[in-house]
Amino acid sequence: MAQSVARLAEESLALSSVQQSPALHPVSVAPLPLQSYPNGAHGDIRILVWHWPFGRSYSLDGNKCLKMYNISRCLLTDDRADFSAADVVVFHHYELSRGLSSVPLHLDRPTSQHWVWMSLEPPVNNVNLTHFNGLFNWTMSYRRDADISIPYGQTMLGGDNLSFPAAPNRSCFASWVVSKYKPQQTRAAFYQRLKKHIPIEVYGRWNKKPLPDKKLLPTISNCLFYLSFENSEKKDYISEKLWRNAFQAGAVPVVLGPNKATYEAMTPPHSFIHVADFNSPADLATYLKVLSADRQAYEKYLEWHNTYRIKTYSDWRERLCQICVRYPSLPARKVYHDLDSWVNG
């Protein structure tokens, strides 16, 4: 989710305007009356995207949810003129928190309309949350306890039929793709210690070796292991570093992020190696070297490809269409009066 240089340059000024803007101060929103909650029973569910995440818009011509994802009675629009007719209005936190967009408190909000707070960022990147207390009815996040859960990836039944080099033919021991390297992060310190014991090929903007999309998976697929190191060790935060970079490339992921139980609940069985299982990076390196020399033991980490496949989510339209799937079971009267507590909980 790259940010433009211009946007970063404007950040401090925009942040100041958010803090000074009375329109973004907490307001009280009355609970929604039950009889006004349609549960999608009387027609299509109209979802208004108030602003597109990170400024990248998508075409909404035609019925995208039905045509692209076979989700019926679900209409997406980004035309703000549709505000009064929208059942759901979605706000992406990045733009709100930095003053690039604002919530429309000046408009007459229908009593049956639900507002959704959306972010796929870890808590450290979700700033200025207290400005939005009392405004949102539902959360939309990678977290499993979000009202609308939209993970970066998902484990599905059915073999994936992916083809990648057999273990003996791989020329790379381990690799890591990283662009936003920060020395104070846990993953950075772990990498610095691990690289003393095993060879690690590093790509990304950090060391000025970016990989274009078409070369990303083929490059990783030549490696026995991939470092799926998250930049934040927070609840349920498992990003494309695992779902796409490791799993879809056919490398065995070495993971650093949430606890092992979270990975076990979300990923195929025996599909990853968690750093927490080892006393030190040196111990982990020893295990990886032994594993790499035992083809049978190594390939047990790949057997899940025969019975499971990985689905990744990257198109914001598909994510937004998921609101309609969850809509009938979402709580009608919910309001987040302390959004910060939920995000950082």
Protein backbone atom coordinates (compact mmCIF):
# COMPACT_ATOMS: atom_id res chain seq x y z
CA MET A 1 0.00 0.00 0.00
CA ALA A 2 2.47 2.54 -1.12
CA GLN A 3 1.94 6.17 -0.24
CA SER A 4 2.75 8.86 -2.73
CA VAL A 5 5.62 11.24 -2.05
CA ALA A 6 3.24 14.16 -2.25
CA ARG A 7 0.91 12.59 0.30
CA LEU A 8 3.76 12.01 2.73
CA ALA A 9 4.91 15.60 2.30
CA GLU A 10 1.43 16.84 3.15
CA GLU A 11 1.00 14.58 6.16
CA SER A 12 2.05 16.92 8.94
CA LEU A 13 -0.04 19.78 7.55
CA ALA A 14 -3.05 17.54 7.01
CA LEU A 15 -2.74 16.10 10.51
CA SER A 16 -2.80 19.56 11.98
CA SER A 17 -6.02 20.36 10.10
CA VAL A 18 -7.64 17.17 11.42
CA GLN A 19 -6.89 18.11 14.99
CA GLN A 20 -8.33 21.60 14.53
CA SER A 21 -11.43 20.62 12.58
CA PRO A 22 -14.62 20.64 14.71
CA ALA A 23 -16.29 18.39 12.13
CA LEU A 24 -14.02 15.53 13.22
CA HIS A 25 -14.63 15.80 16.95
CA PRO A 26 -16.59 12.94 18.57
CA VAL A 27 -20.36 13.22 18.24
CA SER A 28 -23.15 11.15 19.68
CA VAL A 29 -25.04 8.89 17.30
CA ALA A 30 -28.32 7.50 18.52
CA PRO A 31 -28.82 3.71 18.31
CA LEU A 32 -30.55 2.65 15.13
CA PRO A 33 -34.17 1.56 15.64
CA LEU A 34 -34.68 -2.10 14.88
CA GLN A 35 -37.62 -1.50 12.55
CA SER A 36 -35.43 0.67 10.30
CA TYR A 37 -32.92 -2.14 9.75
CA PRO A 38 -33.84 -3.78 6.43
CA ASN A 39 -31.37 -6.70 6.56
CA GLY A 40 -31.31 -6.50 2.80
CA ALA A 41 -34.81 -7.94 2.60
CA HIS A 42 -36.38 -5.21 0.48
CA GLY A 43 -34.02 -4.79 -2.45
CA ASP A 44 -30.38 -4.33 -3.29
CA ILE A 45 -27.91 -3.21 -0.65
CA ARG A 46 -26.35 0.04 -1.82
CA ILE A 47 -22.80 0.61 -0.59
CA LEU A 48 -21.21 4.04 -0.98
CA VAL A 49 -17.41 4.21 -0.97
CA TRP A 50 -16.86 7.70 0.42
CA HIS A 51 -13.24 7.75 -0.76
CA TRP A 52 -11.03 5.08 -2.29
CA PRO A 53 -8.13 3.75 -0.21
CA PHE A 54 -4.86 5.53 -0.96
CA GLY A 55 -6.42 7.43 -3.86
CA ARG A 56 -6.63 4.50 -6.25
CA SER A 57 -10.10 4.28 -7.73
CA TYR A 58 -11.73 1.29 -9.41
CA SER A 59 -14.36 1.07 -12.12
CA LEU A 60 -17.85 0.46 -10.76
CA ASP A 61 -19.70 0.34 -14.08
CA GLY A 62 -22.37 -2.34 -14.07
CA ASN A 63 -23.05 -4.74 -11.22
CA LYS A 64 -19.47 -5.57 -10.21
CA CYS A 65 -20.34 -7.70 -7.19
CA LEU A 66 -22.52 -9.99 -9.29
CA LYS A 67 -20.43 -10.07 -12.44
CA MET A 68 -17.02 -10.42 -10.82
CA TYR A 69 -17.75 -12.28 -7.58
CA ASN A 70 -21.23 -13.78 -7.97
CA ILE A 71 -22.57 -11.77 -5.02
CA SER A 72 -26.13 -10.72 -5.78
CA ARG A 73 -28.20 -7.74 -4.66
CA CYS A 74 -25.12 -5.70 -3.88
CA LEU A 75 -24.47 -2.36 -5.58
CA LEU A 76 -21.25 -0.39 -5.19
CA THR A 77 -21.06 3.33 -5.88
CA ASP A 78 -18.50 6.06 -5.27
CA ASP A 79 -20.86 8.88 -6.25
CA ARG A 80 -21.39 11.01 -3.15
CA ALA A 81 -24.68 12.21 -4.61
CA ASP A 82 -25.98 8.75 -3.62
CA PHE A 83 -25.42 9.46 0.07
CA SER A 84 -29.07 9.73 1.10
CA ALA A 85 -29.93 6.48 -0.71
CA ALA A 86 -26.99 4.45 0.59
CA ASP A 87 -27.58 1.64 3.07
CA VAL A 88 -23.89 1.57 3.98
CA VAL A 89 -21.17 4.22 3.72
CA VAL A 90 -17.54 3.05 3.93
CA PHE A 91 -14.69 5.26 5.12
CA HIS A 92 -11.05 4.24 4.83
CA HIS A 93 -9.14 5.37 7.90
CA TYR A 94 -5.92 6.53 6.25
CA GLU A 95 -7.64 9.40 4.44
CA LEU A 96 -9.73 10.40 7.45
CA SER A 97 -6.89 10.38 9.94
CA ARG A 98 -4.66 12.56 7.79
CA GLY A 99 -7.27 15.12 6.77
CA LEU A 100 -7.36 13.99 3.14
CA SER A 101 -11.08 13.36 3.52
CA SER A 102 -13.68 14.01 6.22
CA VAL A 103 -16.85 12.41 7.49
CA PRO A 104 -19.99 14.17 6.15
CA LEU A 105 -21.45 15.36 9.43
CA HIS A 106 -22.99 18.29 7.57
CA LEU A 107 -25.32 15.95 5.67
CA ASP A 108 -28.62 14.56 6.91
CA ARG A 109 -27.74 10.96 7.72
CA PRO A 110 -30.65 8.53 7.25
CA THR A 111 -31.54 6.69 10.46
CA SER A 112 -31.18 3.30 8.74
CA GLN A 113 -27.78 4.08 7.24
CA HIS A 114 -24.71 2.30 8.61
CA TRP A 115 -21.20 3.70 8.59
CA VAL A 116 -18.20 1.39 8.27
CA TRP A 117 -14.68 2.11 9.52
CA MET A 118 -12.21 0.28 7.26
CA SER A 119 -8.49 -0.34 7.57
CA LEU A 120 -6.12 -3.17 6.69
CA GLU A 121 -3.24 -1.52 8.53
CA PRO A 122 -1.88 -2.68 11.90
CA PRO A 123 -2.74 -0.49 14.93
CA VAL A 124 0.50 1.51 14.79
CA ASN A 125 -0.59 2.99 11.45
CA ASN A 126 -4.14 3.83 12.54
CA VAL A 127 -3.67 7.25 14.13
CA ASN A 128 -6.11 9.87 15.46
CA LEU A 129 -8.80 7.31 16.28
CA THR A 130 -10.44 9.31 19.06
CA HIS A 131 -11.71 11.84 16.52
CA PHE A 132 -14.12 9.22 15.23
CA ASN A 133 -15.67 7.87 18.42
CA GLY A 134 -19.43 7.48 18.20
CA LEU A 135 -19.55 7.69 14.41
CA PHE A 136 -19.20 4.13 13.16
CA ASN A 137 -21.51 1.16 13.40
CA TRP A 138 -19.26 -1.53 11.97
CA THR A 139 -15.56 -2.25 11.58
CA MET A 140 -13.96 -3.73 8.48
CA SER A 141 -10.50 -5.15 9.03
CA TYR A 142 -8.17 -8.14 8.66
CA ARG A 143 -9.08 -9.05 12.25
CA ARG A 144 -11.27 -12.09 12.75
CA ASP A 145 -13.41 -10.25 15.30
CA ALA A 146 -14.18 -7.35 12.96
CA ASP A 147 -17.81 -6.95 11.94
CA ILE A 148 -16.72 -7.52 8.36
CA SER A 149 -13.51 -9.55 8.37
CA ILE A 150 -11.42 -9.12 5.22
CA PRO A 151 -8.13 -10.96 5.69
CA TYR A 152 -5.26 -10.66 3.24
CA GLY A 153 -5.67 -14.33 2.47
CA GLN A 154 -7.72 -17.38 3.28
CA THR A 155 -7.24 -21.15 3.36
CA MET A 156 -9.67 -23.00 1.11
CA LEU A 157 -10.34 -26.69 0.53
CA GLY A 158 -9.11 -28.12 -2.78
CA GLY A 159 -5.59 -28.61 -4.10
CA ASP A 160 -4.00 -25.61 -5.75
CA ASN A 161 -2.17 -27.37 -8.62
CA LEU A 162 0.68 -24.88 -8.35
CA SER A 163 3.96 -25.81 -10.00
CA PHE A 164 7.27 -24.73 -8.56
CA PRO A 165 10.81 -26.17 -8.58
CA ALA A 166 11.41 -29.36 -6.62
CA ALA A 167 13.49 -28.87 -3.49
CA PRO A 168 16.78 -30.20 -4.95
CA ASN A 169 16.54 -27.78 -7.88
CA ARG A 170 16.24 -24.59 -5.83
CA SER A 171 19.27 -22.36 -5.97
CA CYS A 172 18.33 -20.09 -3.07
CA PHE A 173 18.28 -21.10 0.60
CA ALA A 174 16.12 -18.27 2.00
CA SER A 175 14.84 -14.91 0.82
CA TRP A 176 13.14 -11.84 2.21
CA VAL A 177 11.40 -8.99 0.39
CA VAL A 178 11.31 -5.81 2.49
CA SER A 179 10.80 -2.18 1.58
CA LYS A 180 10.07 -0.41 4.87
CA TYR A 181 12.95 -1.60 7.03
CA LYS A 182 13.15 -0.03 10.47
CA PRO A 183 16.01 -1.09 12.78
CA GLN A 184 13.84 -0.83 15.90
CA GLN A 185 11.39 -3.46 14.67
CA THR A 186 11.55 -6.99 16.04
CA ARG A 187 11.83 -8.44 12.56
CA ALA A 188 14.90 -6.31 11.79
CA ALA A 189 16.76 -7.44 14.89
CA PHE A 190 15.85 -11.07 14.24
CA TYR A 191 17.04 -10.85 10.64
CA GLN A 192 20.36 -9.31 11.64
CA ARG A 193 21.05 -12.25 13.95
CA LEU A 194 19.70 -14.92 11.60
CA LYS A 195 21.79 -13.83 8.61
CA LYS A 196 24.95 -14.68 10.54
CA HIS A 197 24.05 -18.36 10.30
CA ILE A 198 22.29 -18.89 6.96
CA PRO A 199 22.38 -17.19 3.54
CA ILE A 200 19.43 -14.85 3.00
CA GLU A 201 18.80 -13.11 -0.31
CA VAL A 202 17.13 -9.76 0.36
CA TYR A 203 15.02 -7.86 -2.16
CA GLY A 204 12.90 -4.73 -2.03
CA ARG A 205 13.31 -0.98 -1.87
CA TRP A 206 15.29 -1.18 1.37
CA ASN A 207 18.40 -2.53 -0.35
CA LYS A 208 17.52 -1.07 -3.76
CA LYS A 209 16.64 -4.44 -5.31
CA PRO A 210 12.90 -4.11 -5.98
CA LEU A 211 11.10 -7.02 -7.61
CA PRO A 212 8.40 -6.22 -10.18
CA ASP A 213 5.18 -8.17 -9.71
CA LYS A 214 5.88 -10.55 -12.56
CA LYS A 215 9.21 -11.55 -11.02
CA LEU A 216 8.16 -11.70 -7.37
CA LEU A 217 6.78 -15.24 -7.12
CA PRO A 218 9.20 -16.83 -9.64
CA THR A 219 12.14 -15.43 -7.65
CA ILE A 220 10.83 -16.63 -4.29
CA SER A 221 9.89 -20.03 -5.72
CA ASN A 222 13.60 -20.75 -6.23
CA CYS A 223 14.11 -20.51 -2.46
CA LEU A 224 13.59 -23.26 0.09
CA PHE A 225 12.43 -20.79 2.75
CA TYR A 226 10.87 -17.35 2.80
CA LEU A 227 10.95 -14.95 5.75
CA SER A 228 7.31 -13.94 6.24
CA PHE A 229 8.23 -11.35 8.86
CA GLU A 230 5.42 -8.92 9.71
CA ASN A 231 6.25 -5.33 10.60
CA SER A 232 3.81 -5.51 13.51
CA GLU A 233 3.19 -8.36 15.94
CA LYS A 234 -0.46 -7.65 16.56
CA LYS A 235 -3.64 -9.66 16.84
CA ASP A 236 -4.48 -11.52 13.60
CA TYR A 237 -2.16 -9.36 11.49
CA ILE A 238 -0.96 -11.77 8.79
CA SER A 239 -0.37 -9.98 5.52
CA GLU A 240 0.47 -10.84 1.92
CA LYS A 241 3.98 -11.64 3.13
CA LEU A 242 2.64 -15.07 4.02
CA TRP A 243 -0.44 -15.58 1.83
CA ARG A 244 1.11 -14.45 -1.45
CA ASN A 245 4.89 -14.23 -1.12
CA ALA A 246 5.45 -17.57 0.58
CA PHE A 247 2.41 -19.77 0.03
CA GLN A 248 1.75 -18.94 -3.60
CA ALA A 249 5.45 -19.15 -4.46
CA GLY A 250 5.75 -22.61 -2.91
CA ALA A 251 8.43 -21.66 -0.38
CA VAL A 252 8.20 -22.80 3.23
CA PRO A 253 7.45 -19.69 5.29
CA VAL A 254 9.36 -18.81 8.43
CA VAL A 255 6.89 -16.57 10.23
CA LEU A 256 7.22 -13.75 12.72
CA GLY A 257 4.02 -11.98 13.68
CA PRO A 258 1.09 -12.95 15.90
CA ASN A 259 1.31 -16.04 18.09
CA LYS A 260 1.56 -19.55 16.73
CA ALA A 261 -2.05 -20.37 17.62
CA THR A 262 -3.25 -17.62 15.27
CA TYR A 263 -1.27 -19.04 12.37
CA GLU A 264 -2.52 -22.55 13.15
CA ALA A 265 -6.12 -21.33 13.11
CA MET A 266 -5.81 -19.57 9.77
CA THR A 267 -3.35 -21.55 7.65
CA PRO A 268 -3.11 -25.08 6.24
CA PRO A 269 -1.76 -27.73 8.64
CA HIS A 270 2.03 -28.10 8.90
CA SER A 271 2.60 -25.26 6.48
CA PHE A 272 4.89 -22.85 8.37
CA ILE A 273 7.76 -22.57 10.83
CA HIS A 274 7.22 -20.10 13.69
CA VAL A 275 10.24 -18.31 15.16
CA ALA A 276 8.74 -18.61 18.65
CA ASP A 277 9.43 -22.35 18.61
CA PHE A 278 13.16 -21.68 18.87
CA ASN A 279 15.28 -20.29 21.67
CA SER A 280 17.31 -18.11 19.34
CA PRO A 281 17.88 -17.26 15.68
CA ALA A 282 20.89 -19.58 15.81
CA ASP A 283 18.66 -22.49 16.87
CA LEU A 284 16.23 -21.69 14.09
CA ALA A 285 19.08 -21.60 11.56
CA THR A 286 20.27 -25.00 12.70
CA TYR A 287 16.79 -26.45 12.20
CA LEU A 288 16.49 -24.93 8.72
CA LYS A 289 19.83 -26.37 7.67
CA VAL A 290 18.89 -29.84 8.91
CA LEU A 291 15.51 -29.60 7.22
CA SER A 292 17.01 -28.48 3.92
CA ALA A 293 19.19 -31.61 3.90
CA ASP A 294 16.25 -33.95 4.50
CA ARG A 295 14.11 -33.84 1.38
CA GLN A 296 11.33 -35.98 2.83
CA ALA A 297 11.02 -33.87 5.97
CA TYR A 298 11.17 -30.64 3.97
CA GLU A 299 8.46 -31.68 1.51
CA LYS A 300 6.08 -32.51 4.36
CA TYR A 301 5.76 -28.73 4.72
CA LEU A 302 4.45 -28.63 1.14
CA GLU A 303 2.00 -31.53 1.30
CA TRP A 304 -0.87 -29.20 2.13
CA HIS A 305 -0.86 -28.04 -1.51
CA ASN A 306 -2.52 -31.37 -2.38
CA THR A 307 -5.64 -30.69 -0.31
CA TYR A 308 -5.74 -26.93 0.26
CA ARG A 309 -5.37 -23.78 -1.76
CA ILE A 310 -4.85 -20.15 -0.85
CA LYS A 311 -7.16 -17.34 -1.89
CA THR A 312 -5.74 -13.84 -1.70
CA TYR A 313 -7.66 -10.57 -1.71
CA SER A 314 -6.22 -7.54 -3.45
CA ASP A 315 -9.12 -5.87 -5.29
CA TRP A 316 -10.94 -3.43 -3.01
CA ARG A 317 -14.16 -4.11 -4.87
CA GLU A 318 -14.12 -7.75 -3.80
CA ARG A 319 -13.53 -6.69 -0.22
CA LEU A 320 -16.39 -4.21 -0.34
CA CYS A 321 -18.75 -6.78 -1.80
CA GLN A 322 -18.16 -8.87 1.31
CA ILE A 323 -20.25 -6.34 3.23
CA CYS A 324 -23.33 -7.67 1.45
CA VAL A 325 -22.46 -11.25 2.36
CA ARG A 326 -22.29 -10.30 6.04
CA TYR A 327 -25.09 -7.71 5.98
CA PRO A 328 -28.03 -9.90 7.09
CA SER A 329 -26.22 -10.97 10.26
CA LEU A 330 -24.64 -7.65 11.24
CA PRO A 331 -25.88 -5.92 14.44
CA ALA A 332 -28.36 -3.14 13.78
CA ARG A 333 -27.81 -1.05 16.89
CA LYS A 334 -24.05 -1.16 17.27
CA VAL A 335 -22.00 2.03 17.68
CA TYR A 336 -18.26 2.24 18.39
CA HIS A 337 -18.01 4.86 21.12
CA ASP A 338 -14.36 4.03 21.79
CA LEU A 339 -12.83 3.08 18.46
CA ASP A 340 -9.29 3.33 19.80
CA SER A 341 -9.95 0.60 22.39
CA TRP A 342 -11.16 -1.80 19.72
CA VAL A 343 -8.36 -1.10 17.24
CA ASN A 344 -5.66 -1.43 19.89
CA GLY A 345 -7.38 -4.21 21.81
